[in-house]
Amino acid sequence: MAGLPGLRGVEHIGFTVPDIDEATRFFVDIIGCEYVYSLGPFQFEDDWLQVHLHVPAGTVMRELRFFRCRNGPNFEIFEYAPTGQGQLPPLNSDVGGHHMAFYVDDFDTALAYLRRHGVSLMGSPTYRTSGPSAGQTWIYFLTPWGMQLELVSFPGGKLYEKTSDVILWKPDES
């Protein structure tokens, strides 16, 4: 098998937020993730953070927090003391642009929940009826600080799974 020896999957995804308490409230109270633990603050007089985390020397990492959202990888959020950092989240088209997708069993119920909680939705749902992603429904939405997230569901699977040996997701059949 080609690739990284011993690879099992994605363990966690990390990203930076402007206010770690606001982010915690959003991910725990709105999304339903579980807060696991926190570490910090960290500041080094030498270039440790620059060498290991690619941030400017002298930067203060106020705190990092780990979360678990049921199935899938954990994620880690960082809050740094602002020292010339960009305050606008990248667009998907920017280098380093990204989003996290949350899978739900019932798309319409989850979408109504986001609306009731005043979450900013980007456009209207996209229903895939053809191509390899046929069977998938999705919509992007924003965190209070503007990070892009996605709500996605494909309870019957995606079309490509019917013709391929590669199955990336198998919804809970209970």
C-alpha atoms as a PDB file:
ATOM      1  CA  MET A   1       0.000   0.000   0.000  1.00  0.00           C
ATOM      2  CA  ALA A   2       1.388   3.396  -0.976  1.00  0.00           C
ATOM      3  CA  GLY A   3       1.534   6.366   1.345  1.00  0.00           C
ATOM      4  CA  LEU A   4       2.412   7.092   4.929  1.00  0.00           C
ATOM      5  CA  PRO A   5       3.382   3.871   6.750  1.00  0.00           C
ATOM      6  CA  GLY A   6       0.906   3.023   9.511  1.00  0.00           C
ATOM      7  CA  LEU A   7      -1.659   5.651   8.476  1.00  0.00           C
ATOM      8  CA  ARG A   8      -5.002   5.107  10.222  1.00  0.00           C
ATOM      9  CA  GLY A   9      -6.784   8.360   9.442  1.00  0.00           C
ATOM     10  CA  VAL A  10      -7.169  11.969  10.534  1.00  0.00           C
ATOM     11  CA  GLU A  11      -6.703  12.372  14.293  1.00  0.00           C
ATOM     12  CA  HIS A  12      -7.472  16.070  14.613  1.00  0.00           C
ATOM     13  CA  ILE A  13      -7.859  19.318  12.710  1.00  0.00           C
ATOM     14  CA  GLY A  14      -6.528  22.564  14.177  1.00  0.00           C
ATOM     15  CA  PHE A  15      -7.527  26.173  13.523  1.00  0.00           C
ATOM     16  CA  THR A  16      -7.212  29.576  15.157  1.00  0.00           C
ATOM     17  CA  VAL A  17     -10.127  31.615  16.507  1.00  0.00           C
ATOM     18  CA  PRO A  18     -10.259  35.225  17.728  1.00  0.00           C
ATOM     19  CA  ASP A  19     -12.102  34.407  20.994  1.00  0.00           C
ATOM     20  CA  ILE A  20     -11.732  30.909  22.443  1.00  0.00           C
ATOM     21  CA  ASP A  21     -14.694  31.292  24.830  1.00  0.00           C
ATOM     22  CA  GLU A  22     -17.019  32.380  22.012  1.00  0.00           C
ATOM     23  CA  ALA A  23     -15.784  29.460  19.897  1.00  0.00           C
ATOM     24  CA  THR A  24     -16.310  27.032  22.782  1.00  0.00           C
ATOM     25  CA  ARG A  25     -19.897  28.235  23.292  1.00  0.00           C
ATOM     26  CA  PHE A  26     -20.613  27.870  19.575  1.00  0.00           C
ATOM     27  CA  PHE A  27     -19.126  24.392  19.171  1.00  0.00           C
ATOM     28  CA  VAL A  28     -20.588  23.043  22.434  1.00  0.00           C
ATOM     29  CA  ASP A  29     -23.965  24.817  22.661  1.00  0.00           C
ATOM     30  CA  ILE A  30     -24.904  25.101  18.967  1.00  0.00           C
ATOM     31  CA  ILE A  31     -23.036  22.290  17.187  1.00  0.00           C
ATOM     32  CA  GLY A  32     -23.119  19.823  20.111  1.00  0.00           C
ATOM     33  CA  CYS A  33     -19.436  18.952  20.377  1.00  0.00           C
ATOM     34  CA  GLU A  34     -17.853  17.864  23.637  1.00  0.00           C
ATOM     35  CA  TYR A  35     -15.123  20.000  25.174  1.00  0.00           C
ATOM     36  CA  VAL A  36     -12.287  17.639  26.137  1.00  0.00           C
ATOM     37  CA  TYR A  37      -9.392  19.661  27.603  1.00  0.00           C
ATOM     38  CA  SER A  38      -7.284  22.804  27.331  1.00  0.00           C
ATOM     39  CA  LEU A  39      -3.610  23.742  27.578  1.00  0.00           C
ATOM     40  CA  GLY A  40      -1.726  27.009  27.819  1.00  0.00           C
ATOM     41  CA  PRO A  41      -0.755  29.738  27.872  1.00  0.00           C
ATOM     42  CA  PHE A  42       2.516  29.192  26.023  1.00  0.00           C
ATOM     43  CA  GLN A  43       5.216  31.730  25.351  1.00  0.00           C
ATOM     44  CA  PHE A  44       8.857  31.072  24.600  1.00  0.00           C
ATOM     45  CA  GLU A  45      11.744  33.533  24.678  1.00  0.00           C
ATOM     46  CA  ASP A  46      13.442  31.643  21.864  1.00  0.00           C
ATOM     47  CA  ASP A  47      12.081  30.665  18.443  1.00  0.00           C
ATOM     48  CA  TRP A  48      10.312  27.449  19.564  1.00  0.00           C
ATOM     49  CA  LEU A  49       6.810  28.523  18.431  1.00  0.00           C
ATOM     50  CA  GLN A  50       8.220  29.876  15.178  1.00  0.00           C
ATOM     51  CA  VAL A  51      10.074  26.648  14.416  1.00  0.00           C
ATOM     52  CA  HIS A  52       7.377  24.227  15.589  1.00  0.00           C
ATOM     53  CA  LEU A  53       4.111  26.042  14.749  1.00  0.00           C
ATOM     54  CA  HIS A  54       5.119  28.551  12.051  1.00  0.00           C
ATOM     55  CA  VAL A  55       4.086  31.632  14.043  1.00  0.00           C
ATOM     56  CA  PRO A  56       6.211  34.743  14.634  1.00  0.00           C
ATOM     57  CA  ALA A  57       8.853  34.465  17.363  1.00  0.00           C
ATOM     58  CA  GLY A  58       7.613  35.968  20.626  1.00  0.00           C
ATOM     59  CA  THR A  59       3.959  35.090  19.926  1.00  0.00           C
ATOM     60  CA  VAL A  60       1.823  34.170  22.923  1.00  0.00           C
ATOM     61  CA  MET A  61      -0.547  31.226  22.494  1.00  0.00           C
ATOM     62  CA  ARG A  62      -3.143  32.126  25.091  1.00  0.00           C
ATOM     63  CA  GLU A  63      -4.835  28.730  25.077  1.00  0.00           C
ATOM     64  CA  LEU A  64      -5.677  25.700  22.985  1.00  0.00           C
ATOM     65  CA  ARG A  65      -8.751  23.535  23.481  1.00  0.00           C
ATOM     66  CA  PHE A  66      -9.606  20.082  22.166  1.00  0.00           C
ATOM     67  CA  PHE A  67     -13.120  19.020  21.153  1.00  0.00           C
ATOM     68  CA  ARG A  68     -14.817  15.808  20.056  1.00  0.00           C
ATOM     69  CA  CYS A  69     -17.903  15.827  17.814  1.00  0.00           C
ATOM     70  CA  ARG A  70     -19.074  12.244  18.028  1.00  0.00           C
ATOM     71  CA  ASN A  71     -17.667  10.367  14.980  1.00  0.00           C
ATOM     72  CA  GLY A  72     -14.740  11.667  12.965  1.00  0.00           C
ATOM     73  CA  PRO A  73     -11.590  13.506  13.940  1.00  0.00           C
ATOM     74  CA  ASN A  74     -11.126  15.654  17.019  1.00  0.00           C
ATOM     75  CA  PHE A  75     -10.420  19.308  16.497  1.00  0.00           C
ATOM     76  CA  GLU A  76      -8.195  21.752  18.294  1.00  0.00           C
ATOM     77  CA  ILE A  77      -8.769  25.487  18.494  1.00  0.00           C
ATOM     78  CA  PHE A  78      -6.087  28.038  19.301  1.00  0.00           C
ATOM     79  CA  GLU A  79      -6.307  31.590  20.555  1.00  0.00           C
ATOM     80  CA  TYR A  80      -3.167  33.680  20.137  1.00  0.00           C
ATOM     81  CA  ALA A  81      -2.482  37.158  21.506  1.00  0.00           C
ATOM     82  CA  PRO A  82      -2.827  39.232  18.341  1.00  0.00           C
ATOM     83  CA  THR A  83       0.603  40.278  17.103  1.00  0.00           C
ATOM     84  CA  GLY A  84       0.019  41.344  13.543  1.00  0.00           C
ATOM     85  CA  GLN A  85      -2.172  38.324  12.818  1.00  0.00           C
ATOM     86  CA  GLY A  86      -4.819  38.524  10.137  1.00  0.00           C
ATOM     87  CA  GLN A  87      -8.297  38.937  11.584  1.00  0.00           C
ATOM     88  CA  LEU A  88     -10.312  37.836   8.543  1.00  0.00           C
ATOM     89  CA  PRO A  89     -10.873  34.119   7.895  1.00  0.00           C
ATOM     90  CA  PRO A  90      -9.563  32.955   4.506  1.00  0.00           C
ATOM     91  CA  LEU A  91     -12.009  32.433   1.673  1.00  0.00           C
ATOM     92  CA  ASN A  92     -12.250  28.896   0.291  1.00  0.00           C
ATOM     93  CA  SER A  93     -10.447  30.201  -2.803  1.00  0.00           C
ATOM     94  CA  ASP A  94      -7.496  31.536  -0.741  1.00  0.00           C
ATOM     95  CA  VAL A  95      -4.402  29.437  -0.221  1.00  0.00           C
ATOM     96  CA  GLY A  96      -5.065  27.822   3.158  1.00  0.00           C
ATOM     97  CA  GLY A  97      -8.804  28.284   2.708  1.00  0.00           C
ATOM     98  CA  HIS A  98     -10.785  25.549   4.400  1.00  0.00           C
ATOM     99  CA  HIS A  99     -14.023  24.432   5.952  1.00  0.00           C
ATOM    100  CA  MET A 100     -15.181  21.639   8.262  1.00  0.00           C
ATOM    101  CA  ALA A 101     -18.221  19.577   7.309  1.00  0.00           C
ATOM    102  CA  PHE A 102     -20.593  18.140   9.905  1.00  0.00           C
ATOM    103  CA  TYR A 103     -22.544  15.065   8.802  1.00  0.00           C
ATOM    104  CA  VAL A 104     -26.159  14.773  10.035  1.00  0.00           C
ATOM    105  CA  ASP A 105     -28.723  12.025   9.586  1.00  0.00           C
ATOM    106  CA  ASP A 106     -31.677  14.365   8.950  1.00  0.00           C
ATOM    107  CA  PHE A 107     -30.615  17.381   6.898  1.00  0.00           C
ATOM    108  CA  ASP A 108     -33.918  19.292   7.075  1.00  0.00           C
ATOM    109  CA  THR A 109     -34.184  18.966  10.865  1.00  0.00           C
ATOM    110  CA  ALA A 110     -30.574  20.091  11.345  1.00  0.00           C
ATOM    111  CA  LEU A 111     -31.041  23.014   8.939  1.00  0.00           C
ATOM    112  CA  ALA A 112     -34.162  24.161  10.809  1.00  0.00           C
ATOM    113  CA  TYR A 113     -32.168  23.944  14.062  1.00  0.00           C
ATOM    114  CA  LEU A 114     -29.411  26.201  12.661  1.00  0.00           C
ATOM    115  CA  ARG A 115     -32.051  28.694  11.497  1.00  0.00           C
ATOM    116  CA  ARG A 116     -33.736  28.717  14.940  1.00  0.00           C
ATOM    117  CA  HIS A 117     -30.373  29.497  16.524  1.00  0.00           C
ATOM    118  CA  GLY A 118     -29.717  32.419  14.192  1.00  0.00           C
ATOM    119  CA  VAL A 119     -26.750  30.807  12.460  1.00  0.00           C
ATOM    120  CA  SER A 120     -25.768  32.616   9.256  1.00  0.00           C
ATOM    121  CA  LEU A 121     -26.431  30.347   6.269  1.00  0.00           C
ATOM    122  CA  MET A 122     -24.659  30.789   2.942  1.00  0.00           C
ATOM    123  CA  GLY A 123     -27.259  30.526   0.201  1.00  0.00           C
ATOM    124  CA  SER A 124     -29.763  27.706   0.084  1.00  0.00           C
ATOM    125  CA  PRO A 125     -29.239  23.934   0.277  1.00  0.00           C
ATOM    126  CA  THR A 126     -27.684  22.161  -2.687  1.00  0.00           C
ATOM    127  CA  TYR A 127     -29.311  18.848  -3.573  1.00  0.00           C
ATOM    128  CA  ARG A 128     -27.070  16.667  -5.753  1.00  0.00           C
ATOM    129  CA  THR A 129     -29.181  14.608  -8.172  1.00  0.00           C
ATOM    130  CA  SER A 130     -26.515  13.590 -10.681  1.00  0.00           C
ATOM    131  CA  GLY A 131     -22.808  12.884 -10.890  1.00  0.00           C
ATOM    132  CA  PRO A 132     -20.643  11.024  -8.367  1.00  0.00           C
ATOM    133  CA  SER A 133     -22.096  12.974  -5.394  1.00  0.00           C
ATOM    134  CA  ALA A 134     -25.745  12.286  -6.300  1.00  0.00           C
ATOM    135  CA  GLY A 135     -27.686  11.684  -3.103  1.00  0.00           C
ATOM    136  CA  GLN A 136     -25.828  14.360  -1.122  1.00  0.00           C
ATOM    137  CA  THR A 137     -27.385  17.513   0.322  1.00  0.00           C
ATOM    138  CA  TRP A 138     -25.246  20.335   1.727  1.00  0.00           C
ATOM    139  CA  ILE A 139     -25.114  23.982   2.759  1.00  0.00           C
ATOM    140  CA  TYR A 140     -22.315  26.167   4.092  1.00  0.00           C
ATOM    141  CA  PHE A 141     -22.822  28.240   7.226  1.00  0.00           C
ATOM    142  CA  LEU A 142     -20.711  30.617   9.282  1.00  0.00           C
ATOM    143  CA  THR A 143     -19.457  30.696  12.846  1.00  0.00           C
ATOM    144  CA  PRO A 144     -19.925  33.999  14.717  1.00  0.00           C
ATOM    145  CA  TRP A 145     -16.327  34.946  13.722  1.00  0.00           C
ATOM    146  CA  GLY A 146     -16.854  34.096  10.029  1.00  0.00           C
ATOM    147  CA  MET A 147     -15.271  30.655   9.685  1.00  0.00           C
ATOM    148  CA  GLN A 148     -16.952  28.523   7.029  1.00  0.00           C
ATOM    149  CA  LEU A 149     -18.561  25.240   8.072  1.00  0.00           C
ATOM    150  CA  GLU A 150     -20.743  22.818   6.139  1.00  0.00           C
ATOM    151  CA  LEU A 151     -23.820  20.791   6.982  1.00  0.00           C
ATOM    152  CA  VAL A 152     -23.955  17.640   4.855  1.00  0.00           C
ATOM    153  CA  SER A 153     -26.073  14.498   4.593  1.00  0.00           C
ATOM    154  CA  PHE A 154     -26.322  11.534   2.226  1.00  0.00           C
ATOM    155  CA  PRO A 155     -28.301   8.863   4.110  1.00  0.00           C
ATOM    156  CA  GLY A 156     -28.666   6.664   1.015  1.00  0.00           C
ATOM    157  CA  GLY A 157     -24.990   6.993   0.156  1.00  0.00           C
ATOM    158  CA  LYS A 158     -23.495   8.743  -2.854  1.00  0.00           C
ATOM    159  CA  LEU A 159     -23.831   7.499  -6.421  1.00  0.00           C
ATOM    160  CA  TYR A 160     -20.119   6.733  -6.805  1.00  0.00           C
ATOM    161  CA  GLU A 161     -20.336   4.254  -3.917  1.00  0.00           C
ATOM    162  CA  LYS A 162     -22.655   2.049  -5.985  1.00  0.00           C
ATOM    163  CA  THR A 163     -19.993   1.644  -8.693  1.00  0.00           C
ATOM    164  CA  SER A 164     -16.763   1.891  -6.692  1.00  0.00           C
ATOM    165  CA  ASP A 165     -14.998  -0.232  -4.107  1.00  0.00           C
ATOM    166  CA  VAL A 166     -14.134   2.958  -2.212  1.00  0.00           C
ATOM    167  CA  ILE A 167     -16.711   3.808   0.450  1.00  0.00           C
ATOM    168  CA  LEU A 168     -15.804   6.873   2.470  1.00  0.00           C
ATOM    169  CA  TRP A 169     -18.852   7.041   4.731  1.00  0.00           C
ATOM    170  CA  LYS A 170     -21.412   4.578   5.915  1.00  0.00           C
ATOM    171  CA  PRO A 171     -24.269   6.277   7.811  1.00  0.00           C
ATOM    172  CA  ASP A 172     -25.479   4.625  10.998  1.00  0.00           C
ATOM    173  CA  GLU A 173     -28.108   2.056  10.000  1.00  0.00           C
ATOM    174  CA  SER A 174     -29.556   1.597  13.489  1.00  0.00           C
END
